[in-house]
All heavy atoms as atom14 arrays in JSON, in Angstrom:
{
  "sequence": "AVRAMALDINFSRPIFGTYADGRWSQPAPWLGPAVRFTSG",
  "atom14_mask": [
    [1, 1, 1, 1, 1, 0, 0, 0, 0, 0, 0, 0, 0, 0],
    [1, 1, 1, 1, 1, 1, 1, 0, 0, 0, 0, 0, 0, 0],
    [1, 1, 1, 1, 1, 1, 1, 1, 1, 1, 1, 0, 0, 0],
    [1, 1, 1, 1, 1, 0, 0, 0, 0, 0, 0, 0, 0, 0],
    [1, 1, 1, 1, 1, 1, 1, 1, 0, 0, 0, 0, 0, 0],
    [1, 1, 1, 1, 1, 0, 0, 0, 0, 0, 0, 0, 0, 0],
    [1, 1, 1, 1, 1, 1, 1, 1, 0, 0, 0, 0, 0, 0],
    [1, 1, 1, 1, 1, 1, 1, 1, 0, 0, 0, 0, 0, 0],
    [1, 1, 1, 1, 1, 1, 1, 1, 0, 0, 0, 0, 0, 0],
    [1, 1, 1, 1, 1, 1, 1, 1, 0, 0, 0, 0, 0, 0],
    [1, 1, 1, 1, 1, 1, 1, 1, 1, 1, 1, 0, 0, 0],
    [1, 1, 1, 1, 1, 1, 0, 0, 0, 0, 0, 0, 0, 0],
    [1, 1, 1, 1, 1, 1, 1, 1, 1, 1, 1, 0, 0, 0],
    [1, 1, 1, 1, 1, 1, 1, 0, 0, 0, 0, 0, 0, 0],
    [1, 1, 1, 1, 1, 1, 1, 1, 0, 0, 0, 0, 0, 0],
    [1, 1, 1, 1, 1, 1, 1, 1, 1, 1, 1, 0, 0, 0],
    [1, 1, 1, 1, 0, 0, 0, 0, 0, 0, 0, 0, 0, 0],
    [1, 1, 1, 1, 1, 1, 1, 0, 0, 0, 0, 0, 0, 0],
    [1, 1, 1, 1, 1, 1, 1, 1, 1, 1, 1, 1, 0, 0],
    [1, 1, 1, 1, 1, 0, 0, 0, 0, 0, 0, 0, 0, 0],
    [1, 1, 1, 1, 1, 1, 1, 1, 0, 0, 0, 0, 0, 0],
    [1, 1, 1, 1, 0, 0, 0, 0, 0, 0, 0, 0, 0, 0],
    [1, 1, 1, 1, 1, 1, 1, 1, 1, 1, 1, 0, 0, 0],
    [1, 1, 1, 1, 1, 1, 1, 1, 1, 1, 1, 1, 1, 1],
    [1, 1, 1, 1, 1, 1, 0, 0, 0, 0, 0, 0, 0, 0],
    [1, 1, 1, 1, 1, 1, 1, 1, 1, 0, 0, 0, 0, 0],
    [1, 1, 1, 1, 1, 1, 1, 0, 0, 0, 0, 0, 0, 0],
    [1, 1, 1, 1, 1, 0, 0, 0, 0, 0, 0, 0, 0, 0],
    [1, 1, 1, 1, 1, 1, 1, 0, 0, 0, 0, 0, 0, 0],
    [1, 1, 1, 1, 1, 1, 1, 1, 1, 1, 1, 1, 1, 1],
    [1, 1, 1, 1, 1, 1, 1, 1, 0, 0, 0, 0, 0, 0],
    [1, 1, 1, 1, 0, 0, 0, 0, 0, 0, 0, 0, 0, 0],
    [1, 1, 1, 1, 1, 1, 1, 0, 0, 0, 0, 0, 0, 0],
    [1, 1, 1, 1, 1, 0, 0, 0, 0, 0, 0, 0, 0, 0],
    [1, 1, 1, 1, 1, 1, 1, 0, 0, 0, 0, 0, 0, 0],
    [1, 1, 1, 1, 1, 1, 1, 1, 1, 1, 1, 0, 0, 0],
    [1, 1, 1, 1, 1, 1, 1, 1, 1, 1, 1, 0, 0, 0],
    [1, 1, 1, 1, 1, 1, 1, 0, 0, 0, 0, 0, 0, 0],
    [1, 1, 1, 1, 1, 1, 0, 0, 0, 0, 0, 0, 0, 0],
    [1, 1, 1, 1, 0, 0, 0, 0, 0, 0, 0, 0, 0, 0]
  ],
  "atom14_positions": [
    [[10.84, 8.46, 12.5], [9.52, 8.97, 12.58], [9.38, 9.88, 13.77], [9.79, 9.52, 14.89], [8.48, 7.85, 12.61], [0.0, 0.0, 0.0], [0.0, 0.0, 0.0], [0.0, 0.0, 0.0], [0.0, 0.0, 0.0], [0.0, 0.0, 0.0], [0.0, 0.0, 0.0], [0.0, 0.0, 0.0], [0.0, 0.0, 0.0], [0.0, 0.0, 0.0]],
    [[8.76, 11.06, 13.52], [8.39, 11.92, 14.61], [6.92, 11.92, 14.92], [6.42, 12.28, 15.98], [8.82, 13.34, 14.34], [10.31, 13.48, 14.4], [8.21, 13.91, 13.03], [0.0, 0.0, 0.0], [0.0, 0.0, 0.0], [0.0, 0.0, 0.0], [0.0, 0.0, 0.0], [0.0, 0.0, 0.0], [0.0, 0.0, 0.0], [0.0, 0.0, 0.0]],
    [[6.19, 11.37, 13.88], [4.71, 11.09, 13.97], [4.43, 9.82, 13.26], [5.0, 9.54, 12.23], [3.92, 12.17, 13.36], [3.96, 13.45, 14.18], [2.82, 14.52, 13.57], [2.97, 14.63, 12.12], [3.69, 15.49, 11.48], [4.62, 16.19, 12.14], [3.7, 15.55, 10.22], [0.0, 0.0, 0.0], [0.0, 0.0, 0.0], [0.0, 0.0, 0.0]],
    [[3.59, 9.0, 13.87], [3.36, 7.67, 13.21], [2.02, 7.14, 13.63], [1.46, 7.57, 14.56], [4.43, 6.69, 13.54], [0.0, 0.0, 0.0], [0.0, 0.0, 0.0], [0.0, 0.0, 0.0], [0.0, 0.0, 0.0], [0.0, 0.0, 0.0], [0.0, 0.0, 0.0], [0.0, 0.0, 0.0], [0.0, 0.0, 0.0], [0.0, 0.0, 0.0]],
    [[1.5, 6.12, 12.9], [0.29, 5.43, 13.29], [0.4, 3.98, 12.86], [1.16, 3.62, 11.89], [-0.94, 6.1, 12.6], [-0.94, 5.93, 11.03], [-2.34, 6.73, 10.32], [-3.45, 5.34, 10.2], [0.0, 0.0, 0.0], [0.0, 0.0, 0.0], [0.0, 0.0, 0.0], [0.0, 0.0, 0.0], [0.0, 0.0, 0.0], [0.0, 0.0, 0.0]],
    [[-0.26, 3.12, 13.72], [-0.24, 1.65, 13.3], [-1.28, 1.45, 12.31], [-2.29, 2.18, 12.18], [-0.66, 0.93, 14.63], [0.0, 0.0, 0.0], [0.0, 0.0, 0.0], [0.0, 0.0, 0.0], [0.0, 0.0, 0.0], [0.0, 0.0, 0.0], [0.0, 0.0, 0.0], [0.0, 0.0, 0.0], [0.0, 0.0, 0.0], [0.0, 0.0, 0.0]],
    [[-0.99, 0.44, 11.45], [-2.0, 0.04, 10.43], [-2.56, -1.25, 10.79], [-2.43, -1.68, 11.96], [-1.23, -0.09, 9.13], [-0.53, 1.21, 8.57], [0.24, 1.02, 7.32], [-1.65, 2.31, 8.29], [0.0, 0.0, 0.0], [0.0, 0.0, 0.0], [0.0, 0.0, 0.0], [0.0, 0.0, 0.0], [0.0, 0.0, 0.0], [0.0, 0.0, 0.0]],
    [[-3.17, -2.01, 9.93], [-3.82, -3.24, 10.21], [-2.87, -4.29, 10.68], [-1.68, -4.35, 10.11], [-4.52, -3.74, 8.95], [-5.69, -4.64, 9.23], [-5.43, -5.75, 9.75], [-6.86, -4.31, 8.88], [0.0, 0.0, 0.0], [0.0, 0.0, 0.0], [0.0, 0.0, 0.0], [0.0, 0.0, 0.0], [0.0, 0.0, 0.0], [0.0, 0.0, 0.0]],
    [[-3.2, -5.16, 11.54], [-2.34, -6.29, 12.03], [-2.3, -7.45, 11.06], [-1.59, -8.39, 11.21], [-2.64, -6.77, 13.44], [-4.1, -7.28, 13.5], [-2.52, -5.65, 14.43], [-4.38, -8.0, 14.83], [0.0, 0.0, 0.0], [0.0, 0.0, 0.0], [0.0, 0.0, 0.0], [0.0, 0.0, 0.0], [0.0, 0.0, 0.0], [0.0, 0.0, 0.0]],
    [[-3.27, -7.47, 10.15], [-3.24, -8.57, 9.17], [-2.44, -8.1, 7.88], [-2.63, -7.18, 7.29], [-4.73, -8.75, 8.66], [-5.68, -9.17, 9.76], [-5.41, -10.21, 10.52], [-6.67, -8.48, 10.13], [0.0, 0.0, 0.0], [0.0, 0.0, 0.0], [0.0, 0.0, 0.0], [0.0, 0.0, 0.0], [0.0, 0.0, 0.0], [0.0, 0.0, 0.0]],
    [[-1.36, -8.9, 7.64], [-0.38, -8.59, 6.61], [-0.97, -8.51, 5.22], [-0.49, -8.03, 4.27], [0.72, -9.47, 6.71], [1.84, -9.07, 7.61], [1.66, -7.96, 8.5], [3.01, -9.7, 7.65], [2.7, -7.54, 9.33], [4.13, -9.29, 8.53], [3.93, -8.21, 9.3], [0.0, 0.0, 0.0], [0.0, 0.0, 0.0], [0.0, 0.0, 0.0]],
    [[-2.2, -9.17, 5.04], [-2.8, -9.16, 3.7], [-3.54, -7.86, 3.47], [-4.0, -7.61, 2.42], [-3.81, -10.32, 3.64], [-4.87, -10.03, 4.5], [0.0, 0.0, 0.0], [0.0, 0.0, 0.0], [0.0, 0.0, 0.0], [0.0, 0.0, 0.0], [0.0, 0.0, 0.0], [0.0, 0.0, 0.0], [0.0, 0.0, 0.0], [0.0, 0.0, 0.0]],
    [[-3.69, -7.01, 4.53], [-4.42, -5.75, 4.43], [-3.64, -4.49, 4.03], [-3.89, -3.83, 3.11], [-5.23, -5.42, 5.61], [-6.33, -6.43, 5.83], [-7.31, -6.29, 4.77], [-8.34, -7.34, 5.01], [-9.18, -7.73, 3.97], [-9.13, -7.16, 2.8], [-10.11, -8.69, 4.17], [0.0, 0.0, 0.0], [0.0, 0.0, 0.0], [0.0, 0.0, 0.0]],
    [[-2.55, -4.18, 4.87], [-1.79, -3.0, 4.52], [-0.98, -3.14, 3.22], [-0.37, -4.13, 3.01], [-0.88, -2.76, 5.72], [-1.06, -3.87, 6.59], [-2.12, -4.76, 6.09], [0.0, 0.0, 0.0], [0.0, 0.0, 0.0], [0.0, 0.0, 0.0], [0.0, 0.0, 0.0], [0.0, 0.0, 0.0], [0.0, 0.0, 0.0], [0.0, 0.0, 0.0]],
    [[-0.99, -2.07, 2.47], [-0.11, -2.0, 1.26], [0.69, -0.67, 1.4], [0.05, 0.36, 1.61], [-0.95, -2.03, -0.03], [-1.58, -3.43, -0.21], [-0.05, -1.64, -1.22], [-2.46, -3.44, -1.5], [0.0, 0.0, 0.0], [0.0, 0.0, 0.0], [0.0, 0.0, 0.0], [0.0, 0.0, 0.0], [0.0, 0.0, 0.0], [0.0, 0.0, 0.0]],
    [[1.91, -0.68, 1.28], [2.75, 0.55, 1.14], [3.17, 0.66, -0.3], [3.92, -0.2, -0.76], [3.89, 0.5, 2.15], [4.67, 1.81, 2.1], [4.17, 2.92, 2.76], [5.83, 1.8, 1.35], [4.9, 4.08, 2.69], [6.52, 2.99, 1.33], [6.06, 4.18, 1.96], [0.0, 0.0, 0.0], [0.0, 0.0, 0.0], [0.0, 0.0, 0.0]],
    [[2.67, 1.64, -0.98], [3.13, 1.83, -2.32], [3.34, 3.33, -2.59], [2.88, 4.12, -1.72], [0.0, 0.0, 0.0], [0.0, 0.0, 0.0], [0.0, 0.0, 0.0], [0.0, 0.0, 0.0], [0.0, 0.0, 0.0], [0.0, 0.0, 0.0], [0.0, 0.0, 0.0], [0.0, 0.0, 0.0], [0.0, 0.0, 0.0], [0.0, 0.0, 0.0]],
    [[3.98, 3.69, -3.54], [4.19, 5.07, -3.93], [3.76, 5.33, -5.33], [3.67, 4.43, -6.15], [5.73, 5.41, -3.79], [6.46, 4.62, -4.7], [6.17, 5.19, -2.44], [0.0, 0.0, 0.0], [0.0, 0.0, 0.0], [0.0, 0.0, 0.0], [0.0, 0.0, 0.0], [0.0, 0.0, 0.0], [0.0, 0.0, 0.0], [0.0, 0.0, 0.0]],
    [[3.42, 6.65, -5.58], [3.03, 7.04, -6.95], [3.9, 8.32, -7.18], [3.69, 9.28, -6.54], [1.56, 7.32, -7.0], [1.14, 7.54, -8.36], [0.85, 6.62, -9.27], [0.94, 8.95, -8.83], [0.44, 6.88, -10.57], [0.59, 9.17, -10.11], [0.27, 8.22, -11.02], [-0.12, 8.49, -12.25], [0.0, 0.0, 0.0], [0.0, 0.0, 0.0]],
    [[4.78, 8.28, -8.13], [5.62, 9.41, -8.48], [5.94, 9.31, -9.97], [6.1, 8.26, -10.56], [6.9, 9.37, -7.67], [0.0, 0.0, 0.0], [0.0, 0.0, 0.0], [0.0, 0.0, 0.0], [0.0, 0.0, 0.0], [0.0, 0.0, 0.0], [0.0, 0.0, 0.0], [0.0, 0.0, 0.0], [0.0, 0.0, 0.0], [0.0, 0.0, 0.0]],
    [[5.97, 10.54, -10.55], [6.27, 10.6, -11.95], [5.4, 9.74, -12.89], [5.79, 9.22, -13.87], [7.82, 10.27, -12.24], [8.71, 11.09, -11.52], [8.38, 12.39, -11.33], [9.69, 10.66, -10.94], [0.0, 0.0, 0.0], [0.0, 0.0, 0.0], [0.0, 0.0, 0.0], [0.0, 0.0, 0.0], [0.0, 0.0, 0.0], [0.0, 0.0, 0.0]],
    [[4.17, 9.74, -12.53], [3.19, 8.94, -13.26], [3.22, 7.41, -13.19], [2.68, 6.74, -13.98], [0.0, 0.0, 0.0], [0.0, 0.0, 0.0], [0.0, 0.0, 0.0], [0.0, 0.0, 0.0], [0.0, 0.0, 0.0], [0.0, 0.0, 0.0], [0.0, 0.0, 0.0], [0.0, 0.0, 0.0], [0.0, 0.0, 0.0], [0.0, 0.0, 0.0]],
    [[4.05, 6.88, -12.21], [4.24, 5.44, -12.03], [4.0, 4.99, -10.7], [4.24, 5.69, -9.63], [5.74, 5.05, -12.36], [6.03, 5.2, -13.86], [7.48, 4.87, -14.05], [8.25, 5.82, -13.24], [9.49, 6.02, -13.31], [10.22, 5.27, -14.22], [10.17, 6.83, -12.6], [0.0, 0.0, 0.0], [0.0, 0.0, 0.0], [0.0, 0.0, 0.0]],
    [[3.31, 3.86, -10.6], [2.89, 3.25, -9.3], [3.96, 2.28, -8.91], [4.46, 1.45, -9.73], [1.61, 2.46, -9.53], [1.29, 1.51, -8.34], [1.39, 0.11, -8.42], [0.74, 1.79, -7.04], [0.98, -0.54, -7.28], [0.56, 0.46, -6.41], [0.51, 2.91, -6.42], [0.11, 0.42, -5.17], [0.07, 2.83, -5.05], [-0.07, 1.62, -4.47]],
    [[4.49, 2.34, -7.71], [5.5, 1.41, -7.22], [5.02, 0.76, -5.94], [4.62, 1.5, -4.94], [6.75, 2.26, -6.82], [7.72, 1.4, -6.18], [0.0, 0.0, 0.0], [0.0, 0.0, 0.0], [0.0, 0.0, 0.0], [0.0, 0.0, 0.0], [0.0, 0.0, 0.0], [0.0, 0.0, 0.0], [0.0, 0.0, 0.0], [0.0, 0.0, 0.0]],
    [[4.94, -0.52, -5.96], [4.57, -1.28, -4.81], [5.67, -2.19, -4.39], [5.83, -3.23, -4.93], [3.25, -2.06, -5.14], [2.62, -2.67, -3.92], [1.28, -3.38, -4.33], [0.67, -3.06, -5.24], [0.94, -4.39, -3.57], [0.0, 0.0, 0.0], [0.0, 0.0, 0.0], [0.0, 0.0, 0.0], [0.0, 0.0, 0.0], [0.0, 0.0, 0.0]],
    [[6.39, -1.8, -3.31], [7.6, -2.65, -2.91], [7.25, -4.07, -2.57], [8.16, -4.88, -2.63], [8.1, -1.84, -1.69], [7.58, -0.44, -1.76], [6.31, -0.61, -2.56], [0.0, 0.0, 0.0], [0.0, 0.0, 0.0], [0.0, 0.0, 0.0], [0.0, 0.0, 0.0], [0.0, 0.0, 0.0], [0.0, 0.0, 0.0], [0.0, 0.0, 0.0]],
    [[6.0, -4.27, -2.07], [5.72, -5.63, -1.54], [4.47, -6.14, -2.43], [3.41, -6.08, -1.92], [5.43, -5.66, -0.14], [0.0, 0.0, 0.0], [0.0, 0.0, 0.0], [0.0, 0.0, 0.0], [0.0, 0.0, 0.0], [0.0, 0.0, 0.0], [0.0, 0.0, 0.0], [0.0, 0.0, 0.0], [0.0, 0.0, 0.0], [0.0, 0.0, 0.0]],
    [[4.68, -6.61, -3.64], [3.55, -6.93, -4.56], [2.72, -8.16, -4.04], [1.56, -8.24, -4.41], [4.21, -7.28, -5.88], [5.67, -7.6, -5.52], [6.01, -6.78, -4.33], [0.0, 0.0, 0.0], [0.0, 0.0, 0.0], [0.0, 0.0, 0.0], [0.0, 0.0, 0.0], [0.0, 0.0, 0.0], [0.0, 0.0, 0.0], [0.0, 0.0, 0.0]],
    [[3.33, -8.93, -3.18], [2.49, -10.11, -2.66], [1.42, -9.64, -1.85], [0.53, -10.43, -1.39], [3.33, -11.09, -1.97], [4.11, -10.54, -0.81], [3.58, -10.48, 0.39], [5.28, -9.88, -0.75], [4.51, -9.9, 1.24], [5.55, -9.46, 0.54], [6.36, -9.59, -1.73], [6.76, -8.81, 0.98], [7.42, -8.86, -1.31], [7.59, -8.54, -0.06]],
    [[1.24, -8.41, -1.46], [0.27, -7.96, -0.49], [-1.08, -7.62, -1.23], [-1.98, -7.18, -0.47], [0.77, -6.77, 0.29], [1.89, -7.08, 1.24], [2.36, -5.78, 2.0], [1.54, -8.17, 2.25], [0.0, 0.0, 0.0], [0.0, 0.0, 0.0], [0.0, 0.0, 0.0], [0.0, 0.0, 0.0], [0.0, 0.0, 0.0], [0.0, 0.0, 0.0]],
    [[-1.16, -7.67, -2.48], [-2.44, -7.44, -3.18], [-2.24, -6.55, -4.38], [-1.36, -5.65, -4.27], [0.0, 0.0, 0.0], [0.0, 0.0, 0.0], [0.0, 0.0, 0.0], [0.0, 0.0, 0.0], [0.0, 0.0, 0.0], [0.0, 0.0, 0.0], [0.0, 0.0, 0.0], [0.0, 0.0, 0.0], [0.0, 0.0, 0.0], [0.0, 0.0, 0.0]],
    [[-3.12, -6.53, -5.21], [-3.06, -5.72, -6.41], [-3.45, -4.22, -6.16], [-4.33, -3.97, -5.35], [-4.08, -6.37, -7.41], [-5.01, -6.99, -6.58], [-4.28, -7.48, -5.31], [0.0, 0.0, 0.0], [0.0, 0.0, 0.0], [0.0, 0.0, 0.0], [0.0, 0.0, 0.0], [0.0, 0.0, 0.0], [0.0, 0.0, 0.0], [0.0, 0.0, 0.0]],
    [[-2.99, -3.26, -6.88], [-3.3, -1.86, -6.76], [-4.82, -1.57, -7.08], [-5.3, -0.65, -6.68], [-2.41, -1.06, -7.64], [0.0, 0.0, 0.0], [0.0, 0.0, 0.0], [0.0, 0.0, 0.0], [0.0, 0.0, 0.0], [0.0, 0.0, 0.0], [0.0, 0.0, 0.0], [0.0, 0.0, 0.0], [0.0, 0.0, 0.0], [0.0, 0.0, 0.0]],
    [[-5.38, -2.55, -7.83], [-6.82, -2.32, -8.29], [-7.68, -2.23, -7.07], [-8.84, -1.65, -7.2], [-7.22, -3.4, -9.28], [-7.37, -4.75, -8.6], [-8.56, -3.06, -10.0], [0.0, 0.0, 0.0], [0.0, 0.0, 0.0], [0.0, 0.0, 0.0], [0.0, 0.0, 0.0], [0.0, 0.0, 0.0], [0.0, 0.0, 0.0], [0.0, 0.0, 0.0]],
    [[-7.34, -2.71, -5.96], [-8.19, -2.65, -4.84], [-8.48, -1.24, -4.37], [-9.36, -0.97, -3.69], [-7.64, -3.5, -3.7], [-6.45, -2.93, -2.97], [-5.87, -3.93, -2.09], [-6.12, -3.62, -0.67], [-5.53, -4.21, 0.34], [-4.64, -5.12, 0.12], [-5.83, -3.85, 1.61], [0.0, 0.0, 0.0], [0.0, 0.0, 0.0], [0.0, 0.0, 0.0]],
    [[-7.71, -0.22, -4.87], [-7.88, 1.11, -4.46], [-8.94, 1.77, -5.45], [-9.48, 2.79, -5.14], [-6.63, 1.99, -4.65], [-5.55, 1.49, -3.75], [-4.36, 1.0, -4.22], [-5.78, 1.5, -2.31], [-3.32, 0.65, -3.37], [-4.75, 1.01, -1.51], [-3.54, 0.62, -2.04], [0.0, 0.0, 0.0], [0.0, 0.0, 0.0], [0.0, 0.0, 0.0]],
    [[-9.32, 1.11, -6.55], [-10.25, 1.77, -7.44], [-11.48, 0.88, -7.54], [-12.43, 1.22, -8.34], [-9.69, 1.79, -8.89], [-9.29, 0.48, -9.28], [-8.47, 2.73, -8.93], [0.0, 0.0, 0.0], [0.0, 0.0, 0.0], [0.0, 0.0, 0.0], [0.0, 0.0, 0.0], [0.0, 0.0, 0.0], [0.0, 0.0, 0.0], [0.0, 0.0, 0.0]],
    [[-11.65, -0.18, -6.8], [-12.81, -0.89, -6.78], [-13.47, -0.89, -5.33], [-12.78, -0.47, -4.35], [-12.52, -2.48, -7.07], [-11.65, -2.98, -6.08], [0.0, 0.0, 0.0], [0.0, 0.0, 0.0], [0.0, 0.0, 0.0], [0.0, 0.0, 0.0], [0.0, 0.0, 0.0], [0.0, 0.0, 0.0], [0.0, 0.0, 0.0], [0.0, 0.0, 0.0]],
    [[-14.71, -1.22, -5.24], [-15.4, -1.14, -3.91], [-14.62, -2.04, -2.98], [-14.24, -3.15, -3.22], [0.0, 0.0, 0.0], [0.0, 0.0, 0.0], [0.0, 0.0, 0.0], [0.0, 0.0, 0.0], [0.0, 0.0, 0.0], [0.0, 0.0, 0.0], [0.0, 0.0, 0.0], [0.0, 0.0, 0.0], [0.0, 0.0, 0.0], [0.0, 0.0, 0.0]]
  ]
}
């Protein structure tokens, strides 16, 4: 990394996922469902 930022310190909050070729990929599924991005 040449530029970076810290995320939340609570492991239940940050989710690192990717979206490519019309598919959602979430390497760490135990961190929460993707639906949290489309709900309040």
